[in-house]
PDB file of N, CA and C in Angstrom:
ATOM      1  N   MET A   1     -28.891 -82.025 -62.912  1.00  0.00           N
ATOM      2  CA  MET A   1     -27.803 -81.407 -62.187  1.00  0.00           C
ATOM      3  C   MET A   1     -26.717 -80.893 -63.131  1.00  0.00           C
ATOM      4  N   PHE A   2     -26.054 -81.818 -63.811  1.00  0.00           N
ATOM      5  CA  PHE A   2     -24.983 -81.419 -64.709  1.00  0.00           C
ATOM      6  C   PHE A   2     -25.492 -81.373 -66.132  1.00  0.00           C
ATOM      7  N   ASN A   3     -25.167 -80.323 -66.790  1.00  0.00           N
ATOM      8  CA  ASN A   3     -25.536 -80.182 -68.182  1.00  0.00           C
ATOM      9  C   ASN A   3     -24.416 -80.788 -69.026  1.00  0.00           C
ATOM     10  N   VAL A   4     -24.769 -81.488 -70.085  1.00  0.00           N
ATOM     11  CA  VAL A   4     -23.774 -82.135 -70.945  1.00  0.00           C
ATOM     12  C   VAL A   4     -22.878 -81.082 -71.594  1.00  0.00           C
ATOM     13  N   GLY A   5     -23.419 -79.964 -71.958  1.00  0.00           N
ATOM     14  CA  GLY A   5     -22.637 -78.897 -72.566  1.00  0.00           C
ATOM     15  C   GLY A   5     -21.574 -78.355 -71.616  1.00  0.00           C
ATOM     16  N   ASP A   6     -21.941 -78.220 -70.340  1.00  0.00           N
ATOM     17  CA  ASP A   6     -20.974 -77.758 -69.336  1.00  0.00           C
ATOM     18  C   ASP A   6     -19.840 -78.754 -69.159  1.00  0.00           C
ATOM     19  N   MET A   7     -20.170 -80.025 -69.164  1.00  0.00           N
ATOM     20  CA  MET A   7     -19.142 -81.050 -69.012  1.00  0.00           C
ATOM     21  C   MET A   7     -18.202 -81.064 -70.205  1.00  0.00           C
ATOM     22  N   ILE A   8     -18.747 -80.938 -71.397  1.00  0.00           N
ATOM     23  CA  ILE A   8     -17.910 -80.912 -72.598  1.00  0.00           C
ATOM     24  C   ILE A   8     -16.997 -79.696 -72.570  1.00  0.00           C
ATOM     25  N   TYR A   9     -17.539 -78.551 -72.175  1.00  0.00           N
ATOM     26  CA  TYR A   9     -16.738 -77.328 -72.069  1.00  0.00           C
ATOM     27  C   TYR A   9     -15.596 -77.515 -71.080  1.00  0.00           C
ATOM     28  N   GLN A  10     -15.870 -78.087 -69.921  1.00  0.00           N
ATOM     29  CA  GLN A  10     -14.834 -78.301 -68.922  1.00  0.00           C
ATOM     30  C   GLN A  10     -13.768 -79.271 -69.418  1.00  0.00           C
ATOM     31  N   VAL A  11     -14.172 -80.322 -70.121  1.00  0.00           N
ATOM     32  CA  VAL A  11     -13.206 -81.282 -70.663  1.00  0.00           C
ATOM     33  C   VAL A  11     -12.323 -80.604 -71.702  1.00  0.00           C
ATOM     34  N   ILE A  12     -12.900 -79.778 -72.554  1.00  0.00           N
ATOM     35  CA  ILE A  12     -12.121 -79.080 -73.583  1.00  0.00           C
ATOM     36  C   ILE A  12     -11.130 -78.113 -72.939  1.00  0.00           C
ATOM     37  N   VAL A  13     -11.572 -77.357 -71.957  1.00  0.00           N
ATOM     38  CA  VAL A  13     -10.681 -76.411 -71.277  1.00  0.00           C
ATOM     39  C   VAL A  13      -9.550 -77.160 -70.578  1.00  0.00           C
ATOM     40  N   LEU A  14      -9.867 -78.254 -69.901  1.00  0.00           N
ATOM     41  CA  LEU A  14      -8.838 -79.048 -69.235  1.00  0.00           C
ATOM     42  C   LEU A  14      -7.855 -79.620 -70.254  1.00  0.00           C
ATOM     43  N   ALA A  15      -8.357 -80.105 -71.377  1.00  0.00           N
ATOM     44  CA  ALA A  15      -7.486 -80.656 -72.418  1.00  0.00           C
ATOM     45  C   ALA A  15      -6.572 -79.575 -72.982  1.00  0.00           C
ATOM     46  N   LEU A  16      -7.086 -78.360 -73.159  1.00  0.00           N
ATOM     47  CA  LEU A  16      -6.253 -77.273 -73.660  1.00  0.00           C
ATOM     48  C   LEU A  16      -5.154 -76.893 -72.659  1.00  0.00           C
ATOM     49  N   ILE A  17      -5.485 -76.910 -71.381  1.00  0.00           N
ATOM     50  CA  ILE A  17      -4.482 -76.611 -70.353  1.00  0.00           C
ATOM     51  C   ILE A  17      -3.392 -77.679 -70.362  1.00  0.00           C
ATOM     52  N   VAL A  18      -3.783 -78.934 -70.433  1.00  0.00           N
ATOM     53  CA  VAL A  18      -2.807 -80.028 -70.471  1.00  0.00           C
ATOM     54  C   VAL A  18      -1.953 -79.923 -71.729  1.00  0.00           C
ATOM     55  N   LEU A  19      -2.564 -79.624 -72.853  1.00  0.00           N
ATOM     56  CA  LEU A  19      -1.827 -79.469 -74.106  1.00  0.00           C
ATOM     57  C   LEU A  19      -0.821 -78.331 -74.013  1.00  0.00           C
ATOM     58  N   PHE A  20      -1.202 -77.229 -73.401  1.00  0.00           N
ATOM     59  CA  PHE A  20      -0.294 -76.104 -73.233  1.00  0.00           C
ATOM     60  C   PHE A  20       0.910 -76.501 -72.378  1.00  0.00           C
ATOM     61  N   VAL A  21       0.666 -77.182 -71.258  1.00  0.00           N
ATOM     62  CA  VAL A  21       1.750 -77.574 -70.362  1.00  0.00           C
ATOM     63  C   VAL A  21       2.709 -78.535 -71.069  1.00  0.00           C
ATOM     64  N   VAL A  22       2.169 -79.508 -71.779  1.00  0.00           N
ATOM     65  CA  VAL A  22       3.013 -80.467 -72.490  1.00  0.00           C
ATOM     66  C   VAL A  22       3.804 -79.767 -73.595  1.00  0.00           C
ATOM     67  N   SER A  23       3.171 -78.900 -74.340  1.00  0.00           N
ATOM     68  CA  SER A  23       3.855 -78.180 -75.411  1.00  0.00           C
ATOM     69  C   SER A  23       4.959 -77.289 -74.865  1.00  0.00           C
ATOM     70  N   PHE A  24       4.683 -76.593 -73.781  1.00  0.00           N
ATOM     71  CA  PHE A  24       5.686 -75.720 -73.180  1.00  0.00           C
ATOM     72  C   PHE A  24       6.872 -76.526 -72.670  1.00  0.00           C
ATOM     73  N   THR A  25       6.602 -77.664 -72.041  1.00  0.00           N
ATOM     74  CA  THR A  25       7.668 -78.528 -71.548  1.00  0.00           C
ATOM     75  C   THR A  25       8.540 -79.035 -72.696  1.00  0.00           C
ATOM     76  N   LEU A  26       7.924 -79.474 -73.771  1.00  0.00           N
ATOM     77  CA  LEU A  26       8.689 -79.961 -74.919  1.00  0.00           C
ATOM     78  C   LEU A  26       9.484 -78.839 -75.578  1.00  0.00           C
ATOM     79  N   PHE A  27       8.927 -77.640 -75.594  1.00  0.00           N
ATOM     80  CA  PHE A  27       9.630 -76.483 -76.160  1.00  0.00           C
ATOM     81  C   PHE A  27      10.894 -76.176 -75.361  1.00  0.00           C
ATOM     82  N   ILE A  28      10.774 -76.147 -74.043  1.00  0.00           N
ATOM     83  CA  ILE A  28      11.928 -75.877 -73.188  1.00  0.00           C
ATOM     84  C   ILE A  28      12.964 -76.985 -73.338  1.00  0.00           C
ATOM     85  N   ARG A  29      12.510 -78.206 -73.419  1.00  0.00           N
ATOM     86  CA  ARG A  29      13.442 -79.345 -73.588  1.00  0.00           C
ATOM     87  C   ARG A  29      14.194 -79.220 -74.900  1.00  0.00           C
ATOM     88  N   ARG A  30      13.496 -78.861 -75.959  1.00  0.00           N
ATOM     89  CA  ARG A  30      14.131 -78.703 -77.268  1.00  0.00           C
ATOM     90  C   ARG A  30      15.157 -77.574 -77.237  1.00  0.00           C
ATOM     91  N   LEU A  31      14.832 -76.469 -76.572  1.00  0.00           N
ATOM     92  CA  LEU A  31      15.788 -75.367 -76.442  1.00  0.00           C
ATOM     93  C   LEU A  31      17.053 -75.805 -75.726  1.00  0.00           C
ATOM     94  N   LEU A  32      16.898 -76.551 -74.648  1.00  0.00           N
ATOM     95  CA  LEU A  32      18.061 -77.008 -73.891  1.00  0.00           C
ATOM     96  C   LEU A  32      18.914 -77.966 -74.710  1.00  0.00           C
ATOM     97  N   LEU A  33      18.277 -78.869 -75.449  1.00  0.00           N
ATOM     98  CA  LEU A  33      19.038 -79.808 -76.274  1.00  0.00           C
ATOM     99  C   LEU A  33      19.777 -79.083 -77.390  1.00  0.00           C
ATOM    100  N   ASN A  34      19.137 -78.100 -78.008  1.00  0.00           N
ATOM    101  CA  ASN A  34      19.803 -77.336 -79.065  1.00  0.00           C
ATOM    102  C   ASN A  34      20.976 -76.543 -78.505  1.00  0.00           C
ATOM    103  N   GLN A  35      20.818 -76.003 -77.307  1.00  0.00           N
ATOM    104  CA  GLN A  35      21.901 -75.243 -76.685  1.00  0.00           C
ATOM    105  C   GLN A  35      23.098 -76.148 -76.400  1.00  0.00           C
ATOM    106  N   GLN A  36      22.831 -77.357 -75.933  1.00  0.00           N
ATOM    107  CA  GLN A  36      23.912 -78.298 -75.666  1.00  0.00           C
ATOM    108  C   GLN A  36      24.626 -78.673 -76.955  1.00  0.00           C
ATOM    109  N   ALA A  37      23.881 -78.868 -78.032  1.00  0.00           N
ATOM    110  CA  ALA A  37      24.491 -79.206 -79.320  1.00  0.00           C
ATOM    111  C   ALA A  37      25.352 -78.054 -79.823  1.00  0.00           C
ATOM    112  N   LYS A  38      24.876 -76.828 -79.672  1.00  0.00           N
ATOM    113  CA  LYS A  38      25.657 -75.663 -80.092  1.00  0.00           C
ATOM    114  C   LYS A  38      26.944 -75.556 -79.287  1.00  0.00           C
ATOM    115  N   ASN A  39      26.851 -75.778 -77.978  1.00  0.00           N
ATOM    116  CA  ASN A  39      28.041 -75.722 -77.137  1.00  0.00           C
ATOM    117  C   ASN A  39      29.059 -76.779 -77.549  1.00  0.00           C
ATOM    118  N   HIS A  40      28.580 -77.961 -77.872  1.00  0.00           N
ATOM    119  CA  HIS A  40      29.478 -79.037 -78.314  1.00  0.00           C
ATOM    120  C   HIS A  40      30.161 -78.656 -79.629  1.00  0.00           C
ATOM    121  N   GLN A  41      29.406 -78.119 -80.559  1.00  0.00           N
ATOM    122  CA  GLN A  41      29.982 -77.695 -81.837  1.00  0.00           C
ATOM    123  C   GLN A  41      31.005 -76.583 -81.640  1.00  0.00           C
ATOM    124  N   LEU A  42      30.709 -75.634 -80.763  1.00  0.00           N
ATOM    125  CA  LEU A  42      31.654 -74.551 -80.500  1.00  0.00           C
ATOM    126  C   LEU A  42      32.943 -75.076 -79.875  1.00  0.00           C
ATOM    127  N   ASN A  43      32.821 -76.046 -78.985  1.00  0.00           N
ATOM    128  CA  ASN A  43      34.011 -76.640 -78.387  1.00  0.00           C
ATOM    129  C   ASN A  43      34.864 -77.349 -79.439  1.00  0.00           C
ATOM    130  N   GLU A  44      34.217 -78.046 -80.348  1.00  0.00           N
ATOM    131  CA  GLU A  44      34.956 -78.731 -81.413  1.00  0.00           C
ATOM    132  C   GLU A  44      35.661 -77.721 -82.317  1.00  0.00           C
ATOM    133  N   ILE A  45      34.982 -76.650 -82.669  1.00  0.00           N
ATOM    134  CA  ILE A  45      35.590 -75.609 -83.513  1.00  0.00           C
ATOM    135  C   ILE A  45      36.762 -74.962 -82.779  1.00  0.00           C
ATOM    136  N   GLU A  46      36.590 -74.745 -81.491  1.00  0.00           N
ATOM    137  CA  GLU A  46      37.661 -74.137 -80.699  1.00  0.00           C
ATOM    138  C   GLU A  46      38.896 -75.033 -80.669  1.00  0.00           C
ATOM    139  N   LYS A  47      38.697 -76.336 -80.528  1.00  0.00           N
ATOM    140  CA  LYS A  47      39.823 -77.276 -80.547  1.00  0.00           C
ATOM    141  C   LYS A  47      40.545 -77.243 -81.888  1.00  0.00           C
ATOM    142  N   LYS A  48      39.783 -77.204 -82.964  1.00  0.00           N
ATOM    143  CA  LYS A  48      40.375 -77.163 -84.304  1.00  0.00           C
ATOM    144  C   LYS A  48      41.156 -75.870 -84.512  1.00  0.00           C
ATOM    145  N   MET A  49      40.605 -74.761 -84.043  1.00  0.00           N
ATOM    146  CA  MET A  49      41.297 -73.480 -84.173  1.00  0.00           C
ATOM    147  C   MET A  49      42.611 -73.488 -83.380  1.00  0.00           C
ATOM    148  N   ASP A  50      42.570 -74.061 -82.188  1.00  0.00           N
ATOM    149  CA  ASP A  50      43.791 -74.164 -81.392  1.00  0.00           C
ATOM    150  C   ASP A  50      44.844 -74.998 -82.114  1.00  0.00           C
ATOM    151  N   LYS A  51      44.416 -76.085 -82.722  1.00  0.00           N
ATOM    152  CA  LYS A  51      45.345 -76.946 -83.466  1.00  0.00           C
ATOM    153  C   LYS A  51      45.952 -76.187 -84.646  1.00  0.00           C
ATOM    154  N   ILE A  52      45.134 -75.416 -85.349  1.00  0.00           N
ATOM    155  CA  ILE A  52      45.622 -74.630 -86.490  1.00  0.00           C
ATOM    156  C   ILE A  52      46.629 -73.586 -86.013  1.00  0.00           C
ATOM    157  N   ILE A  53      46.341 -72.931 -84.907  1.00  0.00           N
ATOM    158  CA  ILE A  53      47.258 -71.918 -84.372  1.00  0.00           C
ATOM    159  C   ILE A  53      48.583 -72.566 -83.973  1.00  0.00           C
ATOM    160  N   GLU A  54      48.505 -73.732 -83.352  1.00  0.00           N
ATOM    161  CA  GLU A  54      49.732 -74.444 -82.978  1.00  0.00           C
ATOM    162  C   GLU A  54      50.556 -74.793 -84.209  1.00  0.00           C
ATOM    163  N   LEU A  55      49.913 -75.271 -85.248  1.00  0.00           N
ATOM    164  CA  LEU A  55      50.631 -75.626 -86.474  1.00  0.00           C
ATOM    165  C   LEU A  55      51.253 -74.400 -87.128  1.00  0.00           C
ATOM    166  N   MET A  56      50.534 -73.290 -87.101  1.00  0.00           N
ATOM    167  CA  MET A  56      51.088 -72.068 -87.681  1.00  0.00           C
ATOM    168  C   MET A  56      52.281 -71.566 -86.869  1.00  0.00           C
ATOM    169  N   ASP A  57      52.207 -71.642 -85.561  1.00  0.00           N
ATOM    170  CA  ASP A  57      53.334 -71.236 -84.717  1.00  0.00           C
ATOM    171  C   ASP A  57      54.531 -72.159 -84.946  1.00  0.00           C
ATOM    172  N   PHE A  58      54.256 -73.448 -85.079  1.00  0.00           N
ATOM    173  CA  PHE A  58      55.336 -74.402 -85.324  1.00  0.00           C
ATOM    174  C   PHE A  58      56.002 -74.131 -86.674  1.00  0.00           C
ATOM    175  N   LYS A  59      55.198 -73.772 -87.644  1.00  0.00           N
ATOM    176  CA  LYS A  59      55.732 -73.502 -88.991  1.00  0.00           C
ATOM    177  C   LYS A  59      56.597 -72.231 -89.002  1.00  0.00           C
ATOM    178  N   LYS A  60      56.272 -71.247 -88.188  1.00  0.00           N
ATOM    179  CA  LYS A  60      57.035 -70.006 -88.118  1.00  0.00           C
ATOM    180  C   LYS A  60      58.409 -70.223 -87.503  1.00  0.00           C
ATOM    181  N   GLN A  61      58.520 -71.190 -86.623  1.00  0.00           N
ATOM    182  CA  GLN A  61      59.788 -71.407 -85.917  1.00  0.00           C
ATOM    183  C   GLN A  61      60.749 -72.190 -86.704  1.00  0.00           C
TER     184      GLN A  61
END
């Protein structure tokens, strides 16, 4: 009924599909984490820039 070659082929194809789904999920997760880290860094830089501007304005007065 079932040929061993057909079963091996089906297992390989299924494994490749699962590997693709897992890889794609991890890729999207990594992108989201990197985006959050960039946003955090930008917020920190923005706070520092605001502090520098405040100090410069204070020094002018």
